Protein backbone atom coordinates (compact mmCIF):
# COMPACT_ATOMS: atom_id res chain seq x y z
CA UNK A 1 -29.83 1.04 -18.73
CA UNK A 2 -28.06 -0.69 -16.13
CA UNK A 3 -24.22 -1.48 -16.86
CA UNK A 4 -22.22 -4.41 -14.80
CA UNK A 5 -19.08 -6.46 -15.10
CA UNK A 6 -16.29 -7.86 -13.45
CA UNK A 7 -12.97 -6.17 -13.79
CA UNK A 8 -9.57 -8.20 -12.95
CA UNK A 9 -6.36 -6.53 -11.21
CA UNK A 10 -3.18 -8.16 -11.88
CA UNK A 11 0.32 -7.68 -11.97
CA UNK A 12 3.28 -8.43 -10.40
CA UNK A 13 3.79 -8.68 -6.61
CA UNK A 14 3.64 -5.29 -4.48
CA UNK A 15 2.61 -2.79 -7.39
CA UNK A 16 -0.30 -1.43 -5.22
CA UNK A 17 -3.26 -3.83 -6.59
CA UNK A 18 -4.78 -3.97 -3.11
CA UNK A 19 -4.52 -0.38 -2.09
CA UNK A 20 -6.33 0.66 -5.53
CA UNK A 21 -8.89 -1.76 -5.13
CA UNK A 22 -9.29 -0.22 -1.46
CA UNK A 23 -9.49 3.32 -3.05
CA UNK A 24 -11.78 2.52 -5.90
CA UNK A 25 -14.41 0.98 -3.28
CA UNK A 26 -13.25 3.83 -0.78
CA UNK A 27 -13.47 1.12 2.58
CA UNK A 28 -10.24 -0.94 3.41
CA UNK A 29 -11.58 -4.82 2.14
CA UNK A 30 -7.64 -6.07 1.06
CA UNK A 31 -4.91 -6.28 3.85
CA UNK A 32 -1.96 -3.81 2.60
CA UNK A 33 1.75 -4.28 3.75
CA UNK A 34 4.98 -2.80 1.99
CA UNK A 35 5.89 -6.10 1.40
CA UNK A 36 5.88 -8.06 -1.80
CA UNK A 37 2.96 -11.25 -2.32
CA UNK A 38 0.74 -10.66 0.81
CA UNK A 39 -2.19 -10.80 -0.76
CA UNK A 40 -2.63 -14.63 -1.17
CA UNK A 41 -5.96 -15.22 -2.18
CA UNK A 42 -8.12 -13.41 -4.73
CA UNK A 43 -10.50 -10.91 -3.54
CA UNK A 44 -13.73 -9.60 -4.74
CA UNK A 45 -14.07 -5.65 -4.33
CA UNK A 46 -17.88 -4.21 -5.67
CA UNK A 47 -18.39 -0.59 -6.57
CA UNK A 48 -21.82 -0.05 -6.72
CA UNK A 49 -23.33 2.89 -8.93
CA UNK A 50 -26.97 3.99 -9.31
CA UNK A 51 -26.20 3.31 -12.97
CA UNK A 52 -24.27 0.48 -12.61
CA UNK A 53 -21.89 -2.39 -10.01
CA UNK A 54 -18.33 -2.61 -10.98
CA UNK A 55 -16.76 -6.30 -9.59
CA UNK A 56 -13.19 -5.74 -8.77
CA UNK A 57 -11.34 -8.86 -8.44
CA UNK A 58 -7.47 -8.00 -6.55
CA UNK A 59 -5.22 -10.74 -7.17
CA UNK A 60 -1.83 -12.33 -5.82
CA UNK A 61 1.03 -10.79 -7.80
CA UNK A 62 1.90 -12.80 -11.06
CA UNK A 63 5.36 -14.32 -10.82
CA UNK A 64 8.07 -17.58 -11.48
CA UNK A 65 6.86 -19.27 -8.55
CA UNK A 66 8.40 -22.11 -7.35
CA UNK A 67 6.95 -23.72 -4.14
CA UNK A 68 3.09 -25.10 -4.00
CA UNK A 69 2.18 -21.96 -2.19
CA UNK A 70 3.36 -19.43 -4.61
CA UNK A 71 2.17 -21.75 -7.67
CA UNK A 72 -1.06 -21.29 -6.01
CA UNK A 73 -0.64 -18.01 -5.50
CA UNK A 74 -0.26 -17.55 -9.29
CA UNK A 75 -2.78 -20.22 -10.27
CA UNK A 76 -5.66 -17.72 -8.14
CA UNK A 77 -4.57 -14.74 -10.34
CA UNK A 78 -4.20 -16.07 -13.55
CA UNK A 79 -8.00 -17.77 -12.99
CA UNK A 80 -9.09 -14.21 -13.19
CA UNK A 81 -8.57 -14.30 -16.85
CA UNK A 82 -11.43 -16.81 -17.35
CA UNK A 83 -14.17 -15.11 -15.53
CA UNK A 84 -13.43 -11.02 -16.57
CA UNK A 85 -15.06 -8.58 -18.80
CA UNK A 86 -11.52 -6.15 -19.01
CA UNK A 87 -8.40 -5.75 -17.50
CA UNK A 88 -6.18 -3.54 -15.08
CA UNK A 89 -2.56 -4.32 -15.40
CA UNK A 90 -0.63 -2.24 -12.65
CA UNK A 91 3.02 -1.52 -13.33
CA UNK A 92 4.96 1.31 -11.57
CA UNK A 93 5.89 4.24 -12.41
CA UNK A 94 8.83 4.52 -10.21
CA UNK A 95 10.50 1.46 -11.78
CA UNK A 96 9.28 1.59 -15.66
CA UNK A 97 9.24 -1.55 -17.64
CA UNK A 98 10.30 -3.96 -14.97
CA UNK A 99 12.39 -7.17 -16.18
CA UNK A 100 8.87 -9.34 -14.95
CA UNK A 101 6.05 -7.00 -16.48
CA UNK A 102 7.04 -8.55 -19.97
CA UNK A 103 6.34 -12.45 -18.64
CA UNK A 104 2.78 -10.74 -17.66
CA UNK A 105 1.91 -9.09 -20.50
CA UNK A 106 3.27 -12.27 -22.54
CA UNK A 107 0.56 -14.49 -20.71
CA UNK A 108 -2.46 -11.52 -22.03
CA UNK A 109 -1.16 -12.15 -25.45
CA UNK A 110 -4.12 -14.49 -26.42
CA UNK A 111 -6.83 -13.15 -24.07
CA UNK A 112 -9.29 -11.16 -26.56
CA UNK A 113 -10.50 -8.92 -23.93
CA UNK A 114 -9.56 -4.61 -23.39
CA UNK A 115 -6.85 -4.31 -21.14
CA UNK A 116 -5.88 -0.91 -19.93
CA UNK A 117 -2.20 -0.45 -18.61
CA UNK A 118 -2.43 1.56 -14.98
CA UNK A 119 0.96 3.38 -13.98
CA UNK A 120 1.03 3.29 -10.72
CA UNK A 121 2.61 5.41 -7.83
CA UNK A 122 3.37 8.84 -10.11
CA UNK A 123 3.09 10.14 -7.20
CA UNK A 124 6.55 8.83 -6.68
CA UNK A 125 8.41 10.19 -10.05
CA UNK A 126 8.32 13.79 -11.85
CA UNK A 127 5.57 14.29 -14.57
CA UNK A 128 8.27 14.55 -18.02
CA UNK A 129 9.32 10.93 -16.78
CA UNK A 130 6.43 9.34 -17.28
CA UNK A 131 6.34 9.84 -21.32
CA UNK A 132 9.27 7.71 -21.99
CA UNK A 133 7.72 4.77 -19.46
CA UNK A 134 4.48 5.32 -21.29
CA UNK A 135 6.19 5.19 -24.65
CA UNK A 136 8.10 1.77 -23.53
CA UNK A 137 4.72 -0.11 -22.92
CA UNK A 138 3.05 0.89 -25.86
CA UNK A 139 5.91 -1.40 -27.91
CA UNK A 140 4.83 -3.99 -25.57
CA UNK A 141 1.24 -4.32 -26.48
CA UNK A 142 -2.16 -3.27 -27.48
CA UNK A 143 -3.24 -1.67 -24.28
CA UNK A 144 -7.13 -0.21 -25.10
CA UNK A 145 -5.93 3.04 -22.64
CA UNK A 146 -2.75 3.68 -20.36
CA UNK A 147 -4.01 6.02 -17.55
CA UNK A 148 -1.11 7.10 -14.68
CA UNK A 149 -2.09 7.20 -11.19
CA UNK A 150 -1.06 6.85 -7.55
CA UNK A 151 -3.28 4.74 -5.85
CA UNK A 152 -2.52 6.19 -2.31
CA UNK A 153 -3.55 9.66 -3.11
CA UNK A 154 -6.96 8.69 -5.39
CA UNK A 155 -4.66 10.68 -8.04
CA UNK A 156 -6.50 9.51 -11.52
CA UNK A 157 -8.14 6.98 -9.96
CA UNK A 158 -11.80 8.56 -11.22
CA UNK A 159 -10.67 8.65 -14.40
CA UNK A 160 -10.42 4.56 -14.20
CA UNK A 161 -13.64 4.60 -13.29
CA UNK A 162 -14.30 6.46 -16.43
CA UNK A 163 -12.49 3.93 -19.01
CA UNK A 164 -14.08 0.75 -16.92
CA UNK A 165 -18.00 2.59 -18.02
CA UNK A 166 -17.18 2.97 -21.41
CA UNK A 167 -16.28 -0.72 -21.51
CA UNK A 168 -18.79 -2.50 -19.71
CA UNK A 169 -21.61 -4.54 -21.08
CA UNK A 170 -25.72 -3.81 -20.07
CA UNK A 171 -25.88 -6.66 -17.44
CA UNK A 172 -27.40 -7.03 -13.63
CA UNK A 173 -27.04 -6.39 -10.59
CA UNK A 174 -24.78 -9.01 -9.03
CA UNK A 175 -25.05 -8.27 -5.57
CA UNK A 176 -26.72 -6.70 -3.15
CA UNK A 177 -26.26 -2.93 -3.32
CA UNK A 178 -25.08 -2.43 0.18
CA UNK A 179 -22.44 -5.30 -0.54
CA UNK A 180 -18.61 -4.12 -0.95
CA UNK A 181 -17.01 -7.58 -0.61
CA UNK A 182 -18.41 -11.25 -0.88
CA UNK A 183 -15.49 -12.10 1.29
CA UNK A 184 -16.66 -14.21 4.48
CA UNK A 185 -16.54 -12.26 8.09
CA UNK A 186 -14.06 -15.31 9.14
CA UNK A 187 -11.83 -14.59 6.03
CA UNK A 188 -11.62 -11.28 6.73
CA UNK A 189 -10.76 -11.76 10.44
CA UNK A 190 -8.13 -13.58 9.34
CA UNK A 191 -6.65 -11.10 6.69
CA UNK A 192 -6.35 -8.69 9.14
CA UNK A 193 -4.64 -11.41 11.67
CA UNK A 194 -2.30 -11.81 9.08
CA UNK A 195 -1.48 -8.33 7.98
CA UNK A 196 -0.10 -7.22 11.35
CA UNK A 197 2.31 -10.48 11.74
CA UNK A 198 3.13 -9.31 8.35
CA UNK A 199 3.74 -5.30 9.69
CA UNK A 200 5.39 -6.70 12.95
CA UNK A 201 7.52 -9.67 11.96
CA UNK A 202 10.58 -9.59 9.74
CA UNK A 203 11.83 -12.13 7.27
CA UNK A 204 10.89 -15.27 6.13
CA UNK A 205 8.20 -15.33 9.58
CA UNK A 206 5.42 -13.63 7.39
CA UNK A 207 5.92 -15.91 4.06
CA UNK A 208 5.82 -19.01 6.67
CA UNK A 209 2.49 -17.98 8.59
CA UNK A 210 -0.88 -19.08 7.82
CA UNK A 211 -4.11 -17.82 9.98
CA UNK A 212 -7.31 -20.04 10.17
CA UNK A 213 -10.47 -18.25 12.52
CA UNK A 214 -11.32 -21.53 14.77
CA UNK A 215 -14.40 -19.64 16.17
CA UNK A 216 -16.01 -16.34 15.32
CA UNK A 217 -19.01 -16.14 17.54
CA UNK A 218 -21.27 -13.11 17.48
CA UNK A 219 -23.59 -11.93 20.52
CA UNK A 220 -26.05 -9.35 19.49
CA UNK A 221 -26.81 -9.14 23.51
CA UNK A 222 -23.66 -7.15 23.59
CA UNK A 223 -22.08 -6.18 20.70
CA UNK A 224 -19.61 -8.46 20.96
CA UNK A 225 -17.77 -10.75 18.28
CA UNK A 226 -15.85 -13.46 19.75
CA UNK A 227 -12.98 -14.57 17.39
CA UNK A 228 -10.64 -17.39 18.55
CA UNK A 229 -7.33 -17.61 15.75
CA UNK A 230 -4.62 -20.17 15.37
CA UNK A 231 -1.53 -18.50 13.76
CA UNK A 232 0.40 -21.34 11.81
CA UNK A 233 3.99 -21.69 11.20
CA UNK A 234 6.46 -23.88 9.75
CA UNK A 235 9.18 -23.36 12.57
CA UNK A 236 9.67 -23.45 16.20
CA UNK A 237 12.40 -20.63 15.82
CA UNK A 238 9.09 -19.05 13.63
CA UNK A 239 6.80 -20.05 16.48
CA UNK A 240 9.62 -17.95 19.30
CA UNK A 241 9.11 -14.87 17.30
CA UNK A 242 5.56 -14.55 17.03
CA UNK A 243 5.18 -15.59 20.64
CA UNK A 244 7.89 -12.81 21.60
CA UNK A 245 9.65 -12.88 25.03
CA UNK A 246 6.68 -13.19 27.70
CA UNK A 247 4.16 -12.76 25.27
CA UNK A 248 4.72 -9.67 24.12
CA UNK A 249 4.33 -9.68 19.99
CA UNK A 250 1.73 -12.42 19.98
CA UNK A 251 0.19 -9.47 22.99
CA UNK A 252 1.34 -6.37 19.96
CA UNK A 253 -0.34 -8.58 17.18
CA UNK A 254 -3.92 -9.38 18.83
CA UNK A 255 -3.91 -5.61 19.94
CA UNK A 256 -3.41 -3.94 16.31
CA UNK A 257 -5.67 -6.76 14.77
CA UNK A 258 -8.17 -6.18 17.57
CA UNK A 259 -8.40 -2.39 17.15
CA UNK A 260 -8.65 -2.79 13.30
CA UNK A 261 -11.54 -5.41 13.60
CA UNK A 262 -13.61 -3.11 15.28
CA UNK A 263 -12.97 -0.69 12.95
CA UNK A 264 -14.09 -2.98 10.20
CA UNK A 265 -17.00 -4.61 12.54
CA UNK A 266 -18.13 -1.69 13.79
CA UNK A 267 -18.65 -4.13 17.32
CA UNK A 268 -16.41 -4.59 20.05
CA UNK A 269 -14.18 -7.73 18.94
CA UNK A 270 -12.59 -10.42 21.95
CA UNK A 271 -9.68 -12.20 20.45
CA UNK A 272 -7.56 -14.99 21.36
CA UNK A 273 -4.44 -15.62 19.27
CA UNK A 274 -2.49 -19.13 19.59
CA UNK A 275 0.83 -20.51 17.87
CA UNK A 276 1.25 -23.70 16.15
CA UNK A 277 4.21 -25.50 14.35
CA UNK A 278 3.23 -27.14 10.76
CA UNK A 279 6.55 -27.64 9.73
CA UNK A 280 6.72 -26.93 5.54
CA UNK A 281 2.84 -26.33 4.80
CA UNK A 282 4.13 -24.32 2.31
CA UNK A 283 5.58 -27.08 0.33
CA UNK A 284 2.70 -29.69 1.75
CA UNK A 285 -0.41 -30.06 -0.85
CA UNK A 286 -2.82 -31.08 2.29
CA UNK A 287 -2.07 -28.54 4.42
CA UNK A 288 -2.58 -26.06 1.62
CA UNK A 289 -5.62 -27.21 1.57
CA UNK A 290 -6.59 -27.25 5.01
CA UNK A 291 -5.79 -23.82 5.29
CA UNK A 292 -7.75 -22.57 2.26
CA UNK A 293 -4.97 -22.57 -0.69
CA UNK A 294 -6.18 -24.71 -3.07
CA UNK A 295 -7.33 -23.65 -7.06
CA UNK A 296 -8.76 -27.00 -7.33
CA UNK A 297 -13.04 -26.98 -7.24
């Protein structure tokens, strides 16, 4: 018997959804930063076993959104409600029941699918504090199972795999067995650049940037990929920060991104970066669509 199915990873921003996905898959396919709302798109991660295939959907953090960009992100997360066989709801051990958690749990009330509560970051708390937290969450929703884990260290991740296996139906192999994500190479390159921007810049700059890969050209004879990308921001002041004094910041973003891309693609990368101001793009529906942020078919 071969089992397969789709698993939605949901939760508020910055609870470790992308870290968990990378830990399960065993490869970094989703960018991870300490800053909330890093994930903007739904990322597919594929766990291949001899007897089954798990397709995980890492979603943006669910929160009360105000801007069109944030509304897109929440829409990308809640769209997963329609396309999965079960959910992993991530919360944090070090915060207990966060004020945003009941808002997300309420959105699951009408979902007739198993929900596994995953209490992440147990490496940050003492074990005796977990039981009261588990009891608090039990009173909020009839979770199929509650599993404490550390996505960072991998502690408890195999327990999640075992519980998912029990719940998944018999089904086909949806993707080739050597495939770990269905994200395009252009998308992955753009996300790696955006991750480095998020690590290296501060305040509003990471949230006001969108990366577009203009050229992605492979040269098989030279084992080289040429990538040209544009970093779009909202203000001239942000452009100045992204370029830095004598181009130092842009050079550092490019160097770190290139090294990570070379690890991921396993070839040499030639990367060119440009910065362009697109005023208030996070609030402009047309530009959001241009940068790939749309939930409409």
